[in-house]
PDB file of N, CA and C in Angstrom:
ATOM      1  N   UNK A   1     -73.827-134.716 148.030  1.00  0.00           N
ATOM      2  CA  UNK A   1     -73.225-133.581 147.379  1.00  0.00           C
ATOM      3  C   UNK A   1     -74.344-132.748 146.780  1.00  0.00           C
ATOM      4  N   UNK A   2     -74.308-131.456 147.050  1.00  0.00           N
ATOM      5  CA  UNK A   2     -75.338-130.567 146.508  1.00  0.00           C
ATOM      6  C   UNK A   2     -74.790-129.148 146.425  1.00  0.00           C
ATOM      7  N   UNK A   3     -75.159-128.440 145.377  1.00  0.00           N
ATOM      8  CA  UNK A   3     -74.684-127.079 145.191  1.00  0.00           C
ATOM      9  C   UNK A   3     -75.805-126.040 145.202  1.00  0.00           C
ATOM     10  N   UNK A   4     -77.033-126.444 145.008  1.00  0.00           N
ATOM     11  CA  UNK A   4     -78.126-125.493 144.925  1.00  0.00           C
ATOM     12  C   UNK A   4     -78.478-124.950 146.305  1.00  0.00           C
ATOM     13  N   UNK A   5     -78.776-123.664 146.368  1.00  0.00           N
ATOM     14  CA  UNK A   5     -79.069-122.998 147.635  1.00  0.00           C
ATOM     15  C   UNK A   5     -80.235-123.639 148.366  1.00  0.00           C
ATOM     16  N   UNK A   6     -81.325-123.865 147.668  1.00  0.00           N
ATOM     17  CA  UNK A   6     -82.505-124.451 148.312  1.00  0.00           C
ATOM     18  C   UNK A   6     -82.201-125.861 148.824  1.00  0.00           C
ATOM     19  N   UNK A   7     -81.498-126.640 148.043  1.00  0.00           N
ATOM     20  CA  UNK A   7     -81.148-127.990 148.445  1.00  0.00           C
ATOM     21  C   UNK A   7     -80.240-127.999 149.659  1.00  0.00           C
ATOM     22  N   UNK A   8     -79.297-127.068 149.703  1.00  0.00           N
ATOM     23  CA  UNK A   8     -78.405-126.961 150.861  1.00  0.00           C
ATOM     24  C   UNK A   8     -79.201-126.613 152.116  1.00  0.00           C
ATOM     25  N   UNK A   9     -80.152-125.714 151.965  1.00  0.00           N
ATOM     26  CA  UNK A   9     -80.965-125.296 153.106  1.00  0.00           C
ATOM     27  C   UNK A   9     -81.761-126.472 153.661  1.00  0.00           C
ATOM     28  N   UNK A  10     -82.389-127.220 152.781  1.00  0.00           N
ATOM     29  CA  UNK A  10     -83.171-128.382 153.206  1.00  0.00           C
ATOM     30  C   UNK A  10     -82.266-129.423 153.864  1.00  0.00           C
ATOM     31  N   UNK A  11     -81.104-129.651 153.291  1.00  0.00           N
ATOM     32  CA  UNK A  11     -80.175-130.626 153.866  1.00  0.00           C
ATOM     33  C   UNK A  11     -79.748-130.209 155.270  1.00  0.00           C
ATOM     34  N   UNK A  12     -79.424-128.947 155.441  1.00  0.00           N
ATOM     35  CA  UNK A  12     -79.002-128.472 156.764  1.00  0.00           C
ATOM     36  C   UNK A  12     -80.136-128.579 157.774  1.00  0.00           C
ATOM     37  N   UNK A  13     -81.358-128.235 157.346  1.00  0.00           N
ATOM     38  CA  UNK A  13     -82.516-128.348 158.239  1.00  0.00           C
ATOM     39  C   UNK A  13     -82.764-129.798 158.632  1.00  0.00           C
ATOM     40  N   UNK A  14     -82.321-130.720 157.798  1.00  0.00           N
ATOM     41  CA  UNK A  14     -82.475-132.151 158.070  1.00  0.00           C
ATOM     42  C   UNK A  14     -81.247-132.713 158.777  1.00  0.00           C
ATOM     43  N   UNK A  15     -80.364-131.838 159.231  1.00  0.00           N
ATOM     44  CA  UNK A  15     -79.139-132.206 159.952  1.00  0.00           C
ATOM     45  C   UNK A  15     -78.194-133.067 159.121  1.00  0.00           C
ATOM     46  N   UNK A  16     -78.194-132.860 157.817  1.00  0.00           N
ATOM     47  CA  UNK A  16     -77.266-133.564 156.938  1.00  0.00           C
ATOM     48  C   UNK A  16     -76.049-132.679 156.694  1.00  0.00           C
ATOM     49  N   UNK A  17     -74.894-133.292 156.540  1.00  0.00           N
ATOM     50  CA  UNK A  17     -73.720-132.497 156.188  1.00  0.00           C
ATOM     51  C   UNK A  17     -73.774-132.224 154.685  1.00  0.00           C
ATOM     52  N   UNK A  18     -73.244-131.097 154.305  1.00  0.00           N
ATOM     53  CA  UNK A  18     -73.330-130.652 152.911  1.00  0.00           C
ATOM     54  C   UNK A  18     -71.929-130.464 152.348  1.00  0.00           C
ATOM     55  N   UNK A  19     -71.688-131.034 151.181  1.00  0.00           N
ATOM     56  CA  UNK A  19     -70.429-130.841 150.471  1.00  0.00           C
ATOM     57  C   UNK A  19     -70.752-130.535 149.016  1.00  0.00           C
ATOM     58  N   UNK A  20     -70.176-129.477 148.508  1.00  0.00           N
ATOM     59  CA  UNK A  20     -70.391-129.113 147.118  1.00  0.00           C
ATOM     60  C   UNK A  20     -69.343-129.715 146.200  1.00  0.00           C
ATOM     61  N   UNK A  21     -69.446-129.406 144.946  1.00  0.00           N
ATOM     62  CA  UNK A  21     -68.540-129.943 143.938  1.00  0.00           C
ATOM     63  C   UNK A  21     -67.086-129.600 144.236  1.00  0.00           C
ATOM     64  N   UNK A  22     -66.830-128.357 144.591  1.00  0.00           N
ATOM     65  CA  UNK A  22     -65.460-127.933 144.889  1.00  0.00           C
ATOM     66  C   UNK A  22     -64.916-128.722 146.077  1.00  0.00           C
ATOM     67  N   UNK A  23     -65.731-128.936 147.084  1.00  0.00           N
ATOM     68  CA  UNK A  23     -65.312-129.712 148.246  1.00  0.00           C
ATOM     69  C   UNK A  23     -64.941-131.142 147.883  1.00  0.00           C
ATOM     70  N   UNK A  24     -65.723-131.749 147.002  1.00  0.00           N
ATOM     71  CA  UNK A  24     -65.434-133.117 146.552  1.00  0.00           C
ATOM     72  C   UNK A  24     -64.119-133.148 145.773  1.00  0.00           C
ATOM     73  N   UNK A  25     -63.919-132.171 144.902  1.00  0.00           N
ATOM     74  CA  UNK A  25     -62.685-132.122 144.117  1.00  0.00           C
ATOM     75  C   UNK A  25     -61.467-131.913 145.012  1.00  0.00           C
ATOM     76  N   UNK A  26     -61.581-131.030 146.012  1.00  0.00           N
ATOM     77  CA  UNK A  26     -60.463-130.803 146.933  1.00  0.00           C
ATOM     78  C   UNK A  26     -60.146-132.063 147.735  1.00  0.00           C
ATOM     79  N   UNK A  27     -61.172-132.750 148.176  1.00  0.00           N
ATOM     80  CA  UNK A  27     -60.944-133.988 148.929  1.00  0.00           C
ATOM     81  C   UNK A  27     -60.236-135.030 148.059  1.00  0.00           C
ATOM     82  N   UNK A  28     -60.678-135.147 146.812  1.00  0.00           N
ATOM     83  CA  UNK A  28     -60.052-136.104 145.894  1.00  0.00           C
ATOM     84  C   UNK A  28     -58.568-135.768 145.706  1.00  0.00           C
ATOM     85  N   UNK A  29     -58.271-134.488 145.537  1.00  0.00           N
ATOM     86  CA  UNK A  29     -56.874-134.074 145.353  1.00  0.00           C
ATOM     87  C   UNK A  29     -56.053-134.399 146.596  1.00  0.00           C
ATOM     88  N   UNK A  30     -56.609-134.100 147.781  1.00  0.00           N
ATOM     89  CA  UNK A  30     -55.892-134.369 149.027  1.00  0.00           C
ATOM     90  C   UNK A  30     -55.668-135.867 149.237  1.00  0.00           C
ATOM     91  N   UNK A  31     -56.552-136.686 148.693  1.00  0.00           N
ATOM     92  CA  UNK A  31     -56.414-138.141 148.836  1.00  0.00           C
ATOM     93  C   UNK A  31     -55.517-138.751 147.768  1.00  0.00           C
ATOM     94  N   UNK A  32     -54.951-137.897 146.909  1.00  0.00           N
ATOM     95  CA  UNK A  32     -53.973-138.379 145.955  1.00  0.00           C
ATOM     96  C   UNK A  32     -54.469-138.629 144.538  1.00  0.00           C
ATOM     97  N   UNK A  33     -55.735-138.317 144.279  1.00  0.00           N
ATOM     98  CA  UNK A  33     -56.234-138.486 142.919  1.00  0.00           C
ATOM     99  C   UNK A  33     -55.667-137.382 142.032  1.00  0.00           C
ATOM    100  N   UNK A  34     -55.367-137.697 140.782  1.00  0.00           N
ATOM    101  CA  UNK A  34     -54.765-136.700 139.884  1.00  0.00           C
ATOM    102  C   UNK A  34     -55.812-135.704 139.369  1.00  0.00           C
ATOM    103  N   UNK A  35     -56.167-134.763 140.218  1.00  0.00           N
ATOM    104  CA  UNK A  35     -57.202-133.790 139.902  1.00  0.00           C
ATOM    105  C   UNK A  35     -56.571-132.426 139.698  1.00  0.00           C
ATOM    106  N   UNK A  36     -56.927-131.757 138.633  1.00  0.00           N
ATOM    107  CA  UNK A  36     -56.521-130.372 138.415  1.00  0.00           C
ATOM    108  C   UNK A  36     -57.736-129.503 138.710  1.00  0.00           C
ATOM    109  N   UNK A  37     -57.672-128.780 139.822  1.00  0.00           N
ATOM    110  CA  UNK A  37     -58.779-127.895 140.164  1.00  0.00           C
ATOM    111  C   UNK A  37     -58.941-126.813 139.107  1.00  0.00           C
ATOM    112  N   UNK A  38     -57.832-126.316 138.590  1.00  0.00           N
ATOM    113  CA  UNK A  38     -57.891-125.270 137.559  1.00  0.00           C
ATOM    114  C   UNK A  38     -58.685-125.754 136.345  1.00  0.00           C
ATOM    115  N   UNK A  39     -58.377-126.938 135.867  1.00  0.00           N
ATOM    116  CA  UNK A  39     -59.096-127.476 134.707  1.00  0.00           C
ATOM    117  C   UNK A  39     -60.557-127.750 135.035  1.00  0.00           C
ATOM    118  N   UNK A  40     -60.817-128.290 136.214  1.00  0.00           N
ATOM    119  CA  UNK A  40     -62.185-128.590 136.607  1.00  0.00           C
ATOM    120  C   UNK A  40     -63.015-127.311 136.697  1.00  0.00           C
ATOM    121  N   UNK A  41     -62.438-126.276 137.286  1.00  0.00           N
ATOM    122  CA  UNK A  41     -63.142-124.996 137.409  1.00  0.00           C
ATOM    123  C   UNK A  41     -63.404-124.401 136.035  1.00  0.00           C
ATOM    124  N   UNK A  42     -62.413-124.445 135.153  1.00  0.00           N
ATOM    125  CA  UNK A  42     -62.603-123.926 133.798  1.00  0.00           C
ATOM    126  C   UNK A  42     -63.744-124.655 133.090  1.00  0.00           C
ATOM    127  N   UNK A  43     -63.801-125.972 133.236  1.00  0.00           N
ATOM    128  CA  UNK A  43     -64.880-126.755 132.613  1.00  0.00           C
ATOM    129  C   UNK A  43     -66.232-126.384 133.208  1.00  0.00           C
ATOM    130  N   UNK A  44     -66.270-126.209 134.519  1.00  0.00           N
ATOM    131  CA  UNK A  44     -67.532-125.834 135.163  1.00  0.00           C
ATOM    132  C   UNK A  44     -68.022-124.484 134.641  1.00  0.00           C
ATOM    133  N   UNK A  45     -67.118-123.520 134.569  1.00  0.00           N
ATOM    134  CA  UNK A  45     -67.482-122.186 134.092  1.00  0.00           C
ATOM    135  C   UNK A  45     -67.947-122.230 132.635  1.00  0.00           C
ATOM    136  N   UNK A  46     -67.260-123.023 131.817  1.00  0.00           N
ATOM    137  CA  UNK A  46     -67.620-123.171 130.408  1.00  0.00           C
ATOM    138  C   UNK A  46     -69.028-123.735 130.247  1.00  0.00           C
ATOM    139  N   UNK A  47     -69.419-124.602 131.181  1.00  0.00           N
ATOM    140  CA  UNK A  47     -70.738-125.239 131.116  1.00  0.00           C
ATOM    141  C   UNK A  47     -71.820-124.437 131.834  1.00  0.00           C
ATOM    142  N   UNK A  48     -71.485-123.201 132.227  1.00  0.00           N
ATOM    143  CA  UNK A  48     -72.489-122.313 132.804  1.00  0.00           C
ATOM    144  C   UNK A  48     -72.678-122.426 134.307  1.00  0.00           C
ATOM    145  N   UNK A  49     -71.799-123.155 134.980  1.00  0.00           N
ATOM    146  CA  UNK A  49     -71.880-123.241 136.434  1.00  0.00           C
ATOM    147  C   UNK A  49     -71.238-121.984 137.002  1.00  0.00           C
ATOM    148  N   UNK A  50     -71.966-121.314 137.862  1.00  0.00           N
ATOM    149  CA  UNK A  50     -71.479-120.049 138.421  1.00  0.00           C
ATOM    150  C   UNK A  50     -70.684-120.304 139.696  1.00  0.00           C
ATOM    151  N   UNK A  51     -69.502-119.737 139.744  1.00  0.00           N
ATOM    152  CA  UNK A  51     -68.642-119.801 140.918  1.00  0.00           C
ATOM    153  C   UNK A  51     -68.122-118.392 141.184  1.00  0.00           C
ATOM    154  N   UNK A  52     -68.145-117.982 142.432  1.00  0.00           N
ATOM    155  CA  UNK A  52     -67.634-116.653 142.761  1.00  0.00           C
ATOM    156  C   UNK A  52     -66.113-116.649 142.683  1.00  0.00           C
ATOM    157  N   UNK A  53     -65.564-115.467 142.499  1.00  0.00           N
ATOM    158  CA  UNK A  53     -64.108-115.320 142.472  1.00  0.00           C
ATOM    159  C   UNK A  53     -63.512-115.767 143.802  1.00  0.00           C
ATOM    160  N   UNK A  54     -64.232-115.539 144.892  1.00  0.00           N
ATOM    161  CA  UNK A  54     -63.771-115.945 146.217  1.00  0.00           C
ATOM    162  C   UNK A  54     -63.646-117.461 146.309  1.00  0.00           C
ATOM    163  N   UNK A  55     -64.644-118.178 145.808  1.00  0.00           N
ATOM    164  CA  UNK A  55     -64.625-119.643 145.835  1.00  0.00           C
ATOM    165  C   UNK A  55     -63.492-120.171 144.954  1.00  0.00           C
ATOM    166  N   UNK A  56     -63.333-119.588 143.791  1.00  0.00           N
ATOM    167  CA  UNK A  56     -62.278-120.026 142.874  1.00  0.00           C
ATOM    168  C   UNK A  56     -60.904-119.824 143.505  1.00  0.00           C
ATOM    169  N   UNK A  57     -60.674-118.642 144.066  1.00  0.00           N
ATOM    170  CA  UNK A  57     -59.386-118.343 144.703  1.00  0.00           C
ATOM    171  C   UNK A  57     -59.120-119.298 145.857  1.00  0.00           C
ATOM    172  N   UNK A  58     -60.128-119.513 146.702  1.00  0.00           N
ATOM    173  CA  UNK A  58     -59.988-120.419 147.843  1.00  0.00           C
ATOM    174  C   UNK A  58     -59.639-121.830 147.365  1.00  0.00           C
ATOM    175  N   UNK A  59     -60.363-122.319 146.381  1.00  0.00           N
ATOM    176  CA  UNK A  59     -60.155-123.682 145.885  1.00  0.00           C
ATOM    177  C   UNK A  59     -58.749-123.852 145.322  1.00  0.00           C
ATOM    178  N   UNK A  60     -58.311-122.903 144.525  1.00  0.00           N
ATOM    179  CA  UNK A  60     -56.986-123.005 143.928  1.00  0.00           C
ATOM    180  C   UNK A  60     -55.877-122.917 144.985  1.00  0.00           C
ATOM    181  N   UNK A  61     -56.083-122.066 146.008  1.00  0.00           N
ATOM    182  CA  UNK A  61     -55.108-121.975 147.083  1.00  0.00           C
ATOM    183  C   UNK A  61     -55.036-123.283 147.863  1.00  0.00           C
ATOM    184  N   UNK A  62     -56.192-123.847 148.196  1.00  0.00           N
ATOM    185  CA  UNK A  62     -56.238-125.095 148.955  1.00  0.00           C
ATOM    186  C   UNK A  62     -55.617-126.244 148.176  1.00  0.00           C
ATOM    187  N   UNK A  63     -55.756-126.201 146.850  1.00  0.00           N
ATOM    188  CA  UNK A  63     -55.216-127.258 146.006  1.00  0.00           C
ATOM    189  C   UNK A  63     -53.736-127.046 145.672  1.00  0.00           C
ATOM    190  N   UNK A  64     -53.206-125.896 146.088  1.00  0.00           N
ATOM    191  CA  UNK A  64     -51.811-125.585 145.780  1.00  0.00           C
ATOM    192  C   UNK A  64     -51.617-125.237 144.315  1.00  0.00           C
ATOM    193  N   UNK A  65     -52.677-124.706 143.691  1.00  0.00           N
ATOM    194  CA  UNK A  65     -52.609-124.382 142.267  1.00  0.00           C
ATOM    195  C   UNK A  65     -52.710-122.877 142.021  1.00  0.00           C
ATOM    196  N   UNK A  66     -52.590-122.067 143.036  1.00  0.00           N
ATOM    197  CA  UNK A  66     -52.692-120.624 142.830  1.00  0.00           C
ATOM    198  C   UNK A  66     -51.340-120.074 142.408  1.00  0.00           C
ATOM    199  N   UNK A  67     -51.387-118.941 141.758  1.00  0.00           N
ATOM    200  CA  UNK A  67     -50.125-118.292 141.444  1.00  0.00           C
ATOM    201  C   UNK A  67     -49.917-118.208 140.021  1.00  0.00           C
TER     202      UNK A  67
END
């Protein structure tokens, strides 16, 4: 799991698959873990983690938490 641009680039060049924090949270939710993407995103933003509006919208839609 990696979110930094440089780290993602190196991982891809090394033929590794890359999954970020949002991807891990979505997978956990799909597997039945009691995860609130909305709460997780709010906590990430509060702690200074930058997420684009596009990523936030996509994550909430995929998690069935949009609206």
